[in-house]
Structures are given as C-alpha cells and as structure tokens.
C-alpha cells in the first residue's frame, strides 16, 4: 500500500467547541440535578444538521448554529490547595448553538391507528429570536 492509499483509509472528524444557549422554560428539578451531578441526563441528535435536537431530562430543544459577535471564554471550577474555588481555562470558541424549547403535542388523525406528533416553538420566544436576527 502506498502512503496516499493509507491516508485515504482514515476517516477524520473535525472537533469544535460550542456554547449552547437555551431559551424557554427549564424545569427546576433538571437544574437541581445538573448542579448535583457532573453528568446530566442529555441526548443530542443531528448535530451535523441545520436543526439539531437536544434532550435535557424531559425537555426537548431544537436549535441552529451561529457565530457569536465576540469570543466565548470557557472556564471550569477547580480547587486550589487551600480549598478555595478557582477557575481554570478550558478553551475559547466563537461558535454557538441557540436552542429553543419544543412543546410536543399529540396530533389527532382520522385514522386511530396513526398518531402524529407535532412540535411547536413558543410564539413569544420565536418572535424574540426574529427580533434579534434583524
């Protein structure tokens, strides 16, 4: 095998840090669980699409990617030797994902054997997002 054939066999993924901004009502118990645990119950679907989905606990969000006006500085909690809280640098990014909460409703159909699910973004949140885009 030649070097170019070996390179073609490897598939590489690009890794990007993203700041996620959530809009909508978030359940209190999720916030309490998040602060009590380092591993929140979350799932992501379609991260490489134009409309990724994120499930945090029982809440579902749909979003879109954008570039921020400035640079986000990401820090994490760290403990110093004296036991005091300190912040340590993780990374920087200009990429952000703006997520709006979806409200899922059962949609009645004429055929009882078929149940359709429709998802709607809160109208007030959608108008706010439109105003910020302008």
Protein backbone atom coordinates (compact mmCIF):
# COMPACT_ATOMS: atom_id res chain seq x y z
CA UNK A 1 0.00 0.00 0.00
CA UNK A 2 1.24 3.48 -0.82
CA UNK A 3 1.13 6.38 1.60
CA UNK A 4 -1.79 8.09 -0.18
CA UNK A 5 -3.87 4.88 -0.02
CA UNK A 6 -3.16 4.58 3.71
CA UNK A 7 -4.26 8.19 4.28
CA UNK A 8 -7.49 7.58 2.34
CA UNK A 9 -8.40 4.73 4.70
CA UNK A 10 -8.52 7.02 7.74
CA UNK A 11 -11.69 8.95 8.40
CA UNK A 12 -11.23 12.09 10.47
CA UNK A 13 -13.85 14.07 12.31
CA UNK A 14 -13.48 17.74 13.00
CA UNK A 15 -13.99 18.66 16.63
CA UNK A 16 -15.44 22.06 17.55
CA UNK A 17 -16.27 23.57 20.93
CA UNK A 18 -19.73 25.13 21.00
CA UNK A 19 -21.54 27.29 23.56
CA UNK A 20 -25.19 26.20 23.88
CA UNK A 21 -27.77 28.89 24.71
CA UNK A 22 -31.13 27.53 25.93
CA UNK A 23 -34.35 29.53 25.57
CA UNK A 24 -37.61 28.53 27.17
CA UNK A 25 -38.84 27.25 30.49
CA UNK A 26 -36.44 24.75 32.05
CA UNK A 27 -37.68 22.50 34.84
CA UNK A 28 -36.35 23.24 38.33
CA UNK A 29 -35.58 19.58 39.01
CA UNK A 30 -33.28 19.47 35.96
CA UNK A 31 -31.29 22.46 37.21
CA UNK A 32 -31.03 20.89 40.69
CA UNK A 33 -29.86 17.57 39.19
CA UNK A 34 -27.35 19.38 36.99
CA UNK A 35 -25.75 21.13 39.95
CA UNK A 36 -25.70 17.88 41.97
CA UNK A 37 -24.15 15.75 39.22
CA UNK A 38 -21.39 16.24 36.68
CA UNK A 39 -23.22 14.03 34.16
CA UNK A 40 -26.66 15.43 33.27
CA UNK A 41 -29.23 13.26 31.51
CA UNK A 42 -28.94 14.61 27.97
CA UNK A 43 -29.06 13.31 24.39
CA UNK A 44 -28.25 15.02 21.11
CA UNK A 45 -29.49 14.17 17.63
CA UNK A 46 -28.50 15.62 14.27
CA UNK A 47 -25.58 17.73 15.46
CA UNK A 48 -24.24 18.00 11.91
CA UNK A 49 -27.61 19.17 10.50
CA UNK A 50 -29.09 22.68 10.23
CA UNK A 51 -31.62 21.97 13.02
CA UNK A 52 -30.02 19.83 15.76
CA UNK A 53 -32.14 18.45 18.62
CA UNK A 54 -31.14 18.30 22.27
CA UNK A 55 -33.00 16.47 25.03
CA UNK A 56 -32.24 17.58 28.59
CA UNK A 57 -34.18 15.43 31.03
CA UNK A 58 -37.79 15.62 29.85
CA UNK A 59 -37.29 18.85 27.86
CA UNK A 60 -36.55 18.88 24.11
CA UNK A 61 -34.85 21.76 22.31
CA UNK A 62 -34.27 22.50 18.63
CA UNK A 63 -31.60 24.91 17.52
CA UNK A 64 -29.36 26.41 14.94
CA UNK A 65 -25.67 27.22 14.78
CA UNK A 66 -24.31 30.75 14.55
CA UNK A 67 -21.10 32.66 15.10
CA UNK A 68 -21.00 34.96 18.12
CA UNK A 69 -20.02 38.63 17.93
CA UNK A 70 -17.06 38.01 20.22
CA UNK A 71 -15.14 35.11 21.69
CA UNK A 72 -16.56 32.88 24.42
CA UNK A 73 -14.06 32.02 27.14
CA UNK A 74 -14.83 28.62 28.69
CA UNK A 75 -13.68 28.04 32.27
CA UNK A 76 -14.18 25.24 34.80
CA UNK A 77 -14.27 25.08 38.58
CA UNK A 78 -11.04 23.97 40.18
CA UNK A 79 -9.93 23.68 43.79
CA UNK A 80 -6.73 25.28 44.94
CA UNK A 81 -4.53 23.68 47.59
CA UNK A 82 -6.19 25.88 50.24
CA UNK A 83 -9.64 24.51 49.31
CA UNK A 84 -10.80 27.77 47.76
CA UNK A 85 -12.67 27.73 44.47
CA UNK A 86 -10.73 28.88 41.46
CA UNK A 87 -11.47 28.97 37.76
CA UNK A 88 -9.17 27.35 35.24
CA UNK A 89 -9.03 27.93 31.49
CA UNK A 90 -10.52 25.26 29.20
CA UNK A 91 -10.77 26.80 25.71
CA UNK A 92 -12.21 29.61 23.60
CA UNK A 93 -14.78 29.47 20.81
CA UNK A 94 -16.80 31.73 18.54
CA UNK A 95 -19.35 29.03 17.63
CA UNK A 96 -22.69 28.95 19.43
CA UNK A 97 -25.91 26.97 19.19
CA UNK A 98 -29.14 28.77 20.03
CA UNK A 99 -31.73 26.25 21.24
CA UNK A 100 -35.47 26.88 21.65
CA UNK A 101 -37.69 24.62 23.72
CA UNK A 102 -40.14 22.49 21.75
CA UNK A 103 -43.63 21.81 23.02
CA UNK A 104 -44.79 18.43 21.75
CA UNK A 105 -48.50 17.75 21.29
CA UNK A 106 -50.36 14.71 20.09
CA UNK A 107 -52.00 15.44 16.76
CA UNK A 108 -55.28 13.63 16.21
CA UNK A 109 -55.71 11.98 12.84
CA UNK A 110 -58.75 10.45 11.16
CA UNK A 111 -57.12 7.01 11.39
CA UNK A 112 -56.99 5.96 15.06
CA UNK A 113 -54.08 3.60 14.39
CA UNK A 114 -51.81 6.52 13.44
CA UNK A 115 -50.66 9.11 15.96
CA UNK A 116 -48.72 12.08 14.64
CA UNK A 117 -46.53 14.22 16.85
CA UNK A 118 -46.22 17.93 16.13
CA UNK A 119 -43.67 20.20 17.74
CA UNK A 120 -44.13 23.92 18.20
CA UNK A 121 -41.74 26.56 19.45
CA UNK A 122 -43.21 29.03 21.93
CA UNK A 123 -44.51 32.00 19.85
CA UNK A 124 -43.07 34.62 22.21
CA UNK A 125 -39.63 33.01 22.01
CA UNK A 126 -39.80 32.77 18.22
CA UNK A 127 -40.68 36.49 17.94
CA UNK A 128 -37.80 37.38 20.27
CA UNK A 129 -35.40 35.32 18.13
CA UNK A 130 -36.66 37.06 14.96
CA UNK A 131 -36.12 40.49 16.54
CA UNK A 132 -32.54 39.60 17.50
CA UNK A 133 -31.86 38.35 13.97
CA UNK A 134 -32.92 41.71 12.49
